[in-house]
C-alpha atoms as a PDB file:
ATOM      1  CA  MET A   1     -38.463  87.789  33.114  1.00  0.00           C
ATOM      2  CA  ARG A   2     -37.519  85.898  36.233  1.00  0.00           C
ATOM      3  CA  ILE A   3     -40.510  83.741  37.143  1.00  0.00           C
ATOM      4  CA  PHE A   4     -41.257  81.834  40.335  1.00  0.00           C
ATOM      5  CA  LEU A   5     -43.582  78.935  39.532  1.00  0.00           C
ATOM      6  CA  ALA A   6     -45.242  77.285  42.510  1.00  0.00           C
ATOM      7  CA  GLY A   7     -46.149  73.787  41.405  1.00  0.00           C
ATOM      8  CA  ALA A   8     -43.624  73.184  38.632  1.00  0.00           C
ATOM      9  CA  THR A   9     -44.073  69.394  38.693  1.00  0.00           C
ATOM     10  CA  GLY A  10     -47.876  69.379  38.790  1.00  0.00           C
ATOM     11  CA  ALA A  11     -50.362  68.709  36.022  1.00  0.00           C
ATOM     12  CA  ILE A  12     -50.194  72.274  34.700  1.00  0.00           C
ATOM     13  CA  GLY A  13     -46.736  73.260  35.929  1.00  0.00           C
ATOM     14  CA  ARG A  14     -44.909  70.542  34.023  1.00  0.00           C
ATOM     15  CA  ARG A  15     -46.578  71.827  30.829  1.00  0.00           C
ATOM     16  CA  LEU A  16     -45.977  75.486  31.678  1.00  0.00           C
ATOM     17  CA  VAL A  17     -42.249  75.372  32.519  1.00  0.00           C
ATOM     18  CA  PRO A  18     -41.162  74.424  28.949  1.00  0.00           C
ATOM     19  CA  LEU A  19     -43.431  77.155  27.514  1.00  0.00           C
ATOM     20  CA  LEU A  20     -41.913  79.798  29.797  1.00  0.00           C
ATOM     21  CA  VAL A  21     -38.351  78.633  29.111  1.00  0.00           C
ATOM     22  CA  ALA A  22     -38.957  78.537  25.345  1.00  0.00           C
ATOM     23  CA  ASP A  23     -40.237  82.100  25.610  1.00  0.00           C
ATOM     24  CA  GLY A  24     -36.901  83.142  27.173  1.00  0.00           C
ATOM     25  CA  HIS A  25     -37.879  83.368  30.843  1.00  0.00           C
ATOM     26  CA  ALA A  26     -35.673  82.207  33.732  1.00  0.00           C
ATOM     27  CA  VAL A  27     -37.869  79.946  35.873  1.00  0.00           C
ATOM     28  CA  THR A  28     -37.504  78.853  39.478  1.00  0.00           C
ATOM     29  CA  GLY A  29     -39.920  75.975  39.974  1.00  0.00           C
ATOM     30  CA  THR A  30     -41.108  74.523  43.243  1.00  0.00           C
ATOM     31  CA  THR A  31     -41.580  70.969  44.273  1.00  0.00           C
ATOM     32  CA  ARG A  32     -42.271  69.625  47.737  1.00  0.00           C
ATOM     33  CA  SER A  33     -40.208  66.505  47.081  1.00  0.00           C
ATOM     34  CA  ARG A  34     -36.446  66.061  46.720  1.00  0.00           C
ATOM     35  CA  ASP A  35     -37.319  63.161  44.416  1.00  0.00           C
ATOM     36  CA  LYS A  36     -38.670  65.613  41.821  1.00  0.00           C
ATOM     37  CA  VAL A  37     -35.668  67.973  41.703  1.00  0.00           C
ATOM     38  CA  ALA A  38     -34.336  66.184  38.607  1.00  0.00           C
ATOM     39  CA  LEU A  39     -37.718  66.622  36.892  1.00  0.00           C
ATOM     40  CA  VAL A  40     -37.723  70.368  37.590  1.00  0.00           C
ATOM     41  CA  GLU A  41     -34.218  70.604  36.121  1.00  0.00           C
ATOM     42  CA  ALA A  42     -35.161  68.470  33.105  1.00  0.00           C
ATOM     43  CA  LEU A  43     -38.085  70.815  32.423  1.00  0.00           C
ATOM     44  CA  GLY A  44     -35.589  73.703  32.317  1.00  0.00           C
ATOM     45  CA  ALA A  45     -36.203  75.359  35.693  1.00  0.00           C
ATOM     46  CA  LYS A  46     -34.089  75.936  38.761  1.00  0.00           C
ATOM     47  CA  PRO A  47     -35.578  73.784  41.540  1.00  0.00           C
ATOM     48  CA  ALA A  48     -36.771  75.101  44.902  1.00  0.00           C
ATOM     49  CA  ILE A  49     -37.960  72.553  47.461  1.00  0.00           C
ATOM     50  CA  VAL A  50     -40.796  74.249  49.337  1.00  0.00           C
ATOM     51  CA  ASP A  51     -43.686  73.201  51.541  1.00  0.00           C
ATOM     52  CA  ALA A  52     -46.428  75.507  50.234  1.00  0.00           C
ATOM     53  CA  PHE A  53     -48.194  75.360  53.614  1.00  0.00           C
ATOM     54  CA  ASP A  54     -45.141  76.846  55.379  1.00  0.00           C
ATOM     55  CA  ARG A  55     -45.649  80.613  55.057  1.00  0.00           C
ATOM     56  CA  ALA A  56     -42.084  81.536  56.061  1.00  0.00           C
ATOM     57  CA  ALA A  57     -40.577  78.976  53.667  1.00  0.00           C
ATOM     58  CA  VAL A  58     -42.687  80.308  50.791  1.00  0.00           C
ATOM     59  CA  ILE A  59     -41.687  83.902  51.546  1.00  0.00           C
ATOM     60  CA  ASP A  60     -38.015  82.899  51.772  1.00  0.00           C
ATOM     61  CA  ALA A  61     -38.121  80.890  48.534  1.00  0.00           C
ATOM     62  CA  VAL A  62     -39.748  83.733  46.604  1.00  0.00           C
ATOM     63  CA  GLY A  63     -37.283  86.219  48.107  1.00  0.00           C
ATOM     64  CA  ASP A  64     -34.329  84.007  47.164  1.00  0.00           C
ATOM     65  CA  ALA A  65     -35.595  83.688  43.576  1.00  0.00           C
ATOM     66  CA  ARG A  66     -36.029  87.479  43.195  1.00  0.00           C
ATOM     67  CA  PRO A  67     -38.728  87.012  40.528  1.00  0.00           C
ATOM     68  CA  ASP A  68     -40.543  89.567  38.446  1.00  0.00           C
ATOM     69  CA  VAL A  69     -43.718  87.504  38.689  1.00  0.00           C
ATOM     70  CA  VAL A  70     -45.070  84.593  40.733  1.00  0.00           C
ATOM     71  CA  ILE A  71     -47.291  81.951  39.158  1.00  0.00           C
ATOM     72  CA  HIS A  72     -49.469  79.660  41.271  1.00  0.00           C
ATOM     73  CA  GLN A  73     -50.126  76.309  39.621  1.00  0.00           C
ATOM     74  CA  LEU A  74     -50.256  74.093  42.692  1.00  0.00           C
ATOM     75  CA  THR A  75     -52.890  71.540  41.764  1.00  0.00           C
ATOM     76  CA  ASP A  76     -52.423  68.633  44.181  1.00  0.00           C
ATOM     77  CA  LEU A  77     -53.883  70.226  47.305  1.00  0.00           C
ATOM     78  CA  PRO A  78     -55.948  68.444  49.970  1.00  0.00           C
ATOM     79  CA  GLN A  79     -59.695  69.055  49.814  1.00  0.00           C
ATOM     80  CA  ALA A  80     -60.234  68.480  53.551  1.00  0.00           C
ATOM     81  CA  PHE A  81     -59.713  72.170  54.380  1.00  0.00           C
ATOM     82  CA  ASP A  82     -59.170  75.471  52.598  1.00  0.00           C
ATOM     83  CA  ALA A  83     -55.774  74.446  51.232  1.00  0.00           C
ATOM     84  CA  THR A  84     -56.111  76.621  48.141  1.00  0.00           C
ATOM     85  CA  GLY A  85     -56.896  79.722  50.201  1.00  0.00           C
ATOM     86  CA  ILE A  86     -53.986  79.101  52.556  1.00  0.00           C
ATOM     87  CA  VAL A  87     -51.518  78.636  49.705  1.00  0.00           C
ATOM     88  CA  HIS A  88     -52.854  81.718  47.904  1.00  0.00           C
ATOM     89  CA  HIS A  89     -52.383  83.823  51.029  1.00  0.00           C
ATOM     90  CA  HIS A  90     -48.829  82.551  51.508  1.00  0.00           C
ATOM     91  CA  LEU A  91     -47.961  83.394  47.906  1.00  0.00           C
ATOM     92  CA  GLU A  92     -49.598  86.792  48.159  1.00  0.00           C
ATOM     93  CA  ASP A  93     -47.659  87.475  51.381  1.00  0.00           C
ATOM     94  CA  ALA A  94     -44.483  86.507  49.522  1.00  0.00           C
ATOM     95  CA  VAL A  95     -45.325  88.923  46.713  1.00  0.00           C
ATOM     96  CA  ALA A  96     -45.951  91.711  49.227  1.00  0.00           C
ATOM     97  CA  SER A  97     -42.682  90.905  51.044  1.00  0.00           C
ATOM     98  CA  THR A  98     -40.457  90.916  47.953  1.00  0.00           C
ATOM     99  CA  PRO A  99     -39.186  94.338  46.858  1.00  0.00           C
ATOM    100  CA  GLY A 100     -39.926  95.108  43.219  1.00  0.00           C
ATOM    101  CA  LEU A 101     -42.359  92.213  42.836  1.00  0.00           C
ATOM    102  CA  ASP A 102     -45.898  93.195  41.917  1.00  0.00           C
ATOM    103  CA  GLY A 103     -47.324  90.357  39.853  1.00  0.00           C
ATOM    104  CA  LEU A 104     -49.065  87.131  40.791  1.00  0.00           C
ATOM    105  CA  VAL A 105     -50.690  84.769  38.312  1.00  0.00           C
ATOM    106  CA  LEU A 106     -53.076  82.336  39.917  1.00  0.00           C
ATOM    107  CA  ARG A 107     -54.479  79.045  38.722  1.00  0.00           C
ATOM    108  CA  TYR A 108     -56.829  78.954  35.770  1.00  0.00           C
ATOM    109  CA  GLY A 109     -55.124  81.954  34.158  1.00  0.00           C
ATOM    110  CA  ARG A 110     -56.266  84.616  36.596  1.00  0.00           C
ATOM    111  CA  LEU A 111     -53.755  87.455  36.775  1.00  0.00           C
ATOM    112  CA  TYR A 112     -53.816  89.780  39.758  1.00  0.00           C
ATOM    113  CA  GLY A 113     -51.762  92.857  40.515  1.00  0.00           C
ATOM    114  CA  PRO A 114     -51.075  94.314  43.949  1.00  0.00           C
ATOM    115  CA  GLY A 115     -54.098  94.654  46.206  1.00  0.00           C
ATOM    116  CA  THR A 116     -56.419  92.582  44.037  1.00  0.00           C
ATOM    117  CA  TRP A 117     -56.559  89.379  46.098  1.00  0.00           C
ATOM    118  CA  ARG A 118     -59.580  87.169  45.472  1.00  0.00           C
ATOM    119  CA  GLU A 119     -60.438  83.536  45.787  1.00  0.00           C
ATOM    120  CA  THR A 120     -60.612  81.545  42.613  1.00  0.00           C
ATOM    121  CA  GLU A 121     -64.055  80.590  41.405  1.00  0.00           C
ATOM    122  CA  PRO A 122     -66.652  79.623  44.026  1.00  0.00           C
ATOM    123  CA  GLY A 123     -67.756  76.017  44.091  1.00  0.00           C
ATOM    124  CA  GLN A 124     -66.339  73.691  41.494  1.00  0.00           C
ATOM    125  CA  PRO A 125     -63.972  75.094  38.871  1.00  0.00           C
ATOM    126  CA  PRO A 126     -64.895  74.631  35.221  1.00  0.00           C
ATOM    127  CA  ALA A 127     -63.146  71.915  33.259  1.00  0.00           C
ATOM    128  CA  VAL A 128     -59.722  73.161  32.232  1.00  0.00           C
ATOM    129  CA  HIS A 129     -57.351  71.260  29.982  1.00  0.00           C
ATOM    130  CA  GLY A 130     -53.836  71.334  31.455  1.00  0.00           C
ATOM    131  CA  ASP A 131     -52.246  72.496  28.215  1.00  0.00           C
ATOM    132  CA  ALA A 132     -54.801  75.287  27.825  1.00  0.00           C
ATOM    133  CA  ALA A 133     -54.227  76.406  31.411  1.00  0.00           C
ATOM    134  CA  ALA A 134     -50.463  76.482  30.833  1.00  0.00           C
ATOM    135  CA  ALA A 135     -50.891  78.487  27.641  1.00  0.00           C
ATOM    136  CA  ALA A 136     -53.223  80.932  29.373  1.00  0.00           C
ATOM    137  CA  ALA A 137     -50.743  81.470  32.209  1.00  0.00           C
ATOM    138  CA  LEU A 138     -47.991  82.200  29.677  1.00  0.00           C
ATOM    139  CA  LEU A 139     -50.283  84.653  27.871  1.00  0.00           C
ATOM    140  CA  ALA A 140     -51.209  86.350  31.136  1.00  0.00           C
ATOM    141  CA  VAL A 141     -47.513  86.821  31.960  1.00  0.00           C
ATOM    142  CA  THR A 142     -46.503  88.090  28.531  1.00  0.00           C
ATOM    143  CA  ARG A 143     -49.597  89.982  27.342  1.00  0.00           C
ATOM    144  CA  GLY A 144     -51.933  90.572  30.252  1.00  0.00           C
ATOM    145  CA  ALA A 145     -52.683  93.560  32.365  1.00  0.00           C
ATOM    146  CA  PRO A 146     -53.709  92.877  35.965  1.00  0.00           C
ATOM    147  CA  GLY A 147     -57.254  91.577  36.092  1.00  0.00           C
ATOM    148  CA  ILE A 148     -59.261  88.379  35.965  1.00  0.00           C
ATOM    149  CA  TYR A 149     -58.936  86.081  32.987  1.00  0.00           C
ATOM    150  CA  ASN A 150     -61.304  83.141  33.079  1.00  0.00           C
ATOM    151  CA  ILE A 151     -60.039  80.282  30.984  1.00  0.00           C
ATOM    152  CA  ALA A 152     -61.783  76.998  30.436  1.00  0.00           C
ATOM    153  CA  ASP A 153     -63.141  74.869  27.684  1.00  0.00           C
ATOM    154  CA  GLU A 154     -66.259  76.610  26.353  1.00  0.00           C
ATOM    155  CA  ASP A 155     -69.226  75.229  28.239  1.00  0.00           C
ATOM    156  CA  GLY A 156     -71.603  78.178  28.586  1.00  0.00           C
ATOM    157  CA  ALA A 157     -70.959  78.461  32.344  1.00  0.00           C
ATOM    158  CA  VAL A 158     -67.931  80.755  32.241  1.00  0.00           C
ATOM    159  CA  SER A 159     -67.260  83.682  29.941  1.00  0.00           C
ATOM    160  CA  ILE A 160     -63.800  83.566  28.434  1.00  0.00           C
ATOM    161  CA  ALA A 161     -64.407  86.504  26.100  1.00  0.00           C
ATOM    162  CA  LYS A 162     -61.936  88.774  27.928  1.00  0.00           C
ATOM    163  CA  ALA A 163     -59.177  86.135  27.776  1.00  0.00           C
ATOM    164  CA  ARG A 164     -59.856  85.654  24.073  1.00  0.00           C
ATOM    165  CA  ARG A 165     -59.936  89.395  23.370  1.00  0.00           C
ATOM    166  CA  GLU A 166     -57.045  90.634  25.535  1.00  0.00           C
ATOM    167  CA  LEU A 167     -54.751  87.605  25.608  1.00  0.00           C
ATOM    168  CA  GLY A 168     -55.582  85.922  22.336  1.00  0.00           C
ATOM    169  CA  PHE A 169     -56.462  82.822  24.373  1.00  0.00           C
ATOM    170  CA  ASP A 170     -57.722  79.797  22.477  1.00  0.00           C
ATOM    171  CA  PRO A 171     -59.132  76.975  24.631  1.00  0.00           C
ATOM    172  CA  ALA A 172     -58.300  74.491  21.886  1.00  0.00           C
ATOM    173  CA  PHE A 173     -54.554  75.016  22.458  1.00  0.00           C
ATOM    174  CA  ARG A 174     -52.671  71.794  23.100  1.00  0.00           C
ATOM    175  CA  VAL A 175     -48.930  71.295  23.579  1.00  0.00           C
ATOM    176  CA  ARG A 176     -47.500  69.298  20.689  1.00  0.00           C
ATOM    177  CA  GLU A 177     -44.940  66.666  21.613  1.00  0.00           C
END
Protein backbone atom coordinates (compact mmCIF):
# COMPACT_ATOMS: atom_id res chain seq x y z
CA MET A 1 0.00 0.00 0.00
CA ARG A 2 0.92 3.64 -0.29
CA ILE A 3 1.03 5.02 3.25
CA PHE A 4 1.17 8.61 4.46
CA LEU A 5 2.78 8.69 7.91
CA ALA A 6 2.37 11.93 9.83
CA GLY A 7 5.22 12.04 12.32
CA ALA A 8 7.80 9.85 10.61
CA THR A 9 10.70 11.19 12.70
CA GLY A 10 8.96 11.00 16.08
CA ALA A 11 9.33 8.46 18.85
CA ILE A 12 6.92 6.00 17.23
CA GLY A 13 7.26 7.06 13.60
CA ARG A 14 10.97 6.36 13.38
CA ARG A 15 10.25 2.80 14.59
CA LEU A 16 7.22 2.37 12.33
CA VAL A 17 8.71 3.47 8.99
CA PRO A 18 11.21 0.55 8.79
CA LEU A 19 8.42 -1.91 9.72
CA LEU A 20 6.15 -0.58 6.97
CA VAL A 21 8.96 -0.55 4.39
CA ALA A 22 10.05 -4.09 5.33
CA ASP A 23 6.45 -5.17 4.85
CA GLY A 24 6.57 -3.82 1.27
CA HIS A 25 4.68 -0.54 1.68
CA ALA A 26 5.65 2.72 -0.03
CA VAL A 27 5.78 5.35 2.73
CA THR A 28 5.62 9.12 2.55
CA GLY A 29 6.72 10.41 5.94
CA THR A 30 6.26 13.88 7.33
CA THR A 31 8.62 16.04 9.25
CA ARG A 32 8.23 19.69 10.13
CA SER A 33 11.96 20.32 9.76
CA ARG A 34 14.15 20.42 6.65
CA ASP A 35 16.93 19.20 8.95
CA LYS A 36 15.19 15.83 9.30
CA VAL A 37 14.65 15.12 5.58
CA ALA A 38 17.78 12.95 5.50
CA LEU A 39 16.48 10.94 8.47
CA VAL A 40 13.15 10.29 6.73
CA GLU A 41 15.04 9.10 3.65
CA ALA A 42 17.41 6.95 5.73
CA LEU A 43 14.39 5.28 7.35
CA GLY A 44 13.17 4.36 3.84
CA ALA A 45 10.38 6.90 3.32
CA LYS A 46 9.81 9.72 0.89
CA PRO A 47 9.96 12.96 2.91
CA ALA A 48 7.18 15.55 3.06
CA ILE A 49 7.87 18.74 5.01
CA VAL A 50 4.55 19.69 6.59
CA ASP A 51 3.35 21.90 9.42
CA ALA A 52 0.65 19.68 10.95
CA PHE A 53 -1.18 22.75 12.26
CA ASP A 54 -1.63 24.12 8.71
CA ARG A 55 -4.85 22.47 7.50
CA ALA A 56 -4.34 23.35 3.82
CA ALA A 57 -0.73 22.12 3.86
CA VAL A 58 -1.80 18.81 5.42
CA ILE A 59 -4.56 18.34 2.84
CA ASP A 60 -2.15 19.17 0.01
CA ALA A 61 0.56 16.84 1.31
CA VAL A 62 -1.86 13.92 1.67
CA GLY A 63 -3.30 14.65 -1.78
CA ASP A 64 0.18 14.76 -3.32
CA ALA A 65 1.10 11.42 -1.71
CA ARG A 66 -2.09 9.71 -2.99
CA PRO A 67 -2.02 7.18 -0.13
CA ASP A 68 -4.23 4.21 0.54
CA VAL A 69 -4.05 4.92 4.26
CA VAL A 70 -2.96 7.74 6.57
CA ILE A 71 -1.26 7.02 9.88
CA HIS A 72 -1.08 9.63 12.64
CA GLN A 73 1.95 9.20 14.89
CA LEU A 74 2.66 12.83 15.70
CA THR A 75 3.89 12.65 19.28
CA ASP A 76 5.67 15.96 19.94
CA LEU A 77 2.63 18.22 20.22
CA PRO A 78 2.25 21.17 22.60
CA GLN A 79 0.10 20.54 25.67
CA ALA A 80 -0.94 24.19 26.05
CA PHE A 81 -4.03 23.72 23.85
CA ASP A 82 -5.89 20.95 22.06
CA ALA A 83 -3.05 20.28 19.63
CA THR A 84 -3.93 16.61 19.25
CA GLY A 85 -7.55 17.40 18.36
CA ILE A 86 -6.52 20.03 15.83
CA VAL A 87 -4.05 17.72 14.12
CA HIS A 88 -6.57 14.86 14.09
CA HIS A 89 -9.16 17.09 12.43
CA HIS A 90 -6.67 18.24 9.80
CA LEU A 91 -5.74 14.65 8.99
CA GLU A 92 -9.37 13.58 8.90
CA ASP A 93 -10.15 16.50 6.56
CA ALA A 94 -7.28 15.33 4.35
CA VAL A 95 -8.69 11.81 4.29
CA ALA A 96 -12.13 13.14 3.35
CA SER A 97 -10.61 15.36 0.63
CA THR A 98 -8.55 12.64 -1.05
CA PRO A 99 -10.42 10.52 -3.61
CA GLY A 100 -10.15 6.79 -2.95
CA LEU A 101 -8.73 7.26 0.55
CA ASP A 102 -10.83 5.80 3.34
CA GLY A 103 -8.43 4.75 6.08
CA LEU A 104 -6.88 6.61 8.98
CA VAL A 105 -4.83 5.00 11.72
CA LEU A 106 -4.45 7.16 14.78
CA ARG A 107 -1.97 7.09 17.62
CA TYR A 108 -1.95 4.18 20.03
CA GLY A 109 -3.09 1.76 17.32
CA ARG A 110 -6.64 3.03 16.91
CA LEU A 111 -7.90 2.40 13.39
CA TYR A 112 -10.86 4.37 12.11
CA GLY A 113 -12.72 4.17 8.83
CA PRO A 114 -14.79 6.92 7.24
CA GLY A 115 -17.21 8.69 9.56
CA THR A 116 -15.81 7.21 12.76
CA TRP A 117 -13.94 10.24 14.12
CA ARG A 118 -13.28 10.19 17.86
CA GLU A 119 -10.78 11.69 20.22
CA THR A 120 -8.13 9.40 21.57
CA GLU A 121 -8.49 8.34 25.17
CA PRO A 122 -9.77 10.94 27.66
CA GLY A 123 -7.32 12.17 30.26
CA GLN A 124 -3.88 10.65 30.29
CA PRO A 125 -3.06 7.89 27.81
CA PRO A 126 -1.85 4.57 29.19
CA ALA A 127 1.85 3.81 29.04
CA VAL A 128 2.72 2.67 25.54
CA HIS A 129 6.13 1.41 24.50
CA GLY A 130 7.16 3.02 21.20
CA ASP A 131 8.03 -0.30 19.58
CA ALA A 132 4.71 -1.82 20.63
CA ALA A 133 2.82 1.19 19.28
CA ALA A 134 4.66 0.90 15.95
CA ALA A 135 3.91 -2.81 15.74
CA ALA A 136 0.24 -2.22 16.55
CA ALA A 137 -0.05 0.43 13.83
CA LEU A 138 1.47 -1.98 11.30
CA LEU A 139 -0.97 -4.69 12.41
CA ALA A 140 -3.91 -2.30 12.16
CA VAL A 141 -2.90 -1.42 8.59
CA THR A 142 -2.32 -4.99 7.45
CA ARG A 143 -4.87 -6.99 9.46
CA GLY A 144 -7.41 -4.65 10.99
CA ALA A 145 -10.93 -3.76 10.12
CA PRO A 146 -12.07 -0.24 10.99
CA GLY A 147 -12.64 0.07 14.71
CA ILE A 148 -10.88 0.91 17.94
CA TYR A 149 -7.82 -1.05 18.97
CA ASN A 150 -6.50 -0.12 22.38
CA ILE A 151 -2.86 -0.99 22.74
CA ALA A 152 -0.75 -0.49 25.82
CA ASP A 153 1.33 -2.43 28.24
CA GLU A 154 -1.06 -4.51 30.36
CA ASP A 155 -1.92 -2.49 33.44
CA GLY A 156 -5.54 -3.36 34.19
CA ALA A 157 -6.77 0.10 33.13
CA VAL A 158 -7.25 -0.57 29.42
CA SER A 159 -8.57 -3.69 27.73
CA ILE A 160 -6.39 -4.80 24.86
CA ALA A 161 -8.29 -8.04 24.30
CA LYS A 162 -9.66 -6.94 20.91
CA ALA A 163 -6.19 -5.96 19.66
CA ARG A 164 -4.83 -9.30 20.83
CA ARG A 165 -7.71 -11.27 19.29
CA GLU A 166 -8.16 -9.46 15.96
CA LEU A 167 -4.65 -8.17 15.27
CA GLY A 168 -2.53 -10.70 17.08
CA PHE A 169 -1.07 -7.79 19.06
CA ASP A 170 1.50 -8.60 21.72
CA PRO A 171 2.45 -5.71 24.03
CA ALA A 172 5.81 -7.36 24.67
CA PHE A 173 6.88 -6.72 21.05
CA ARG A 174 10.16 -4.86 20.76
CA VAL A 175 12.11 -3.97 17.61
CA ARG A 176 15.39 -5.87 17.52
CA GLU A 177 18.40 -3.90 16.33
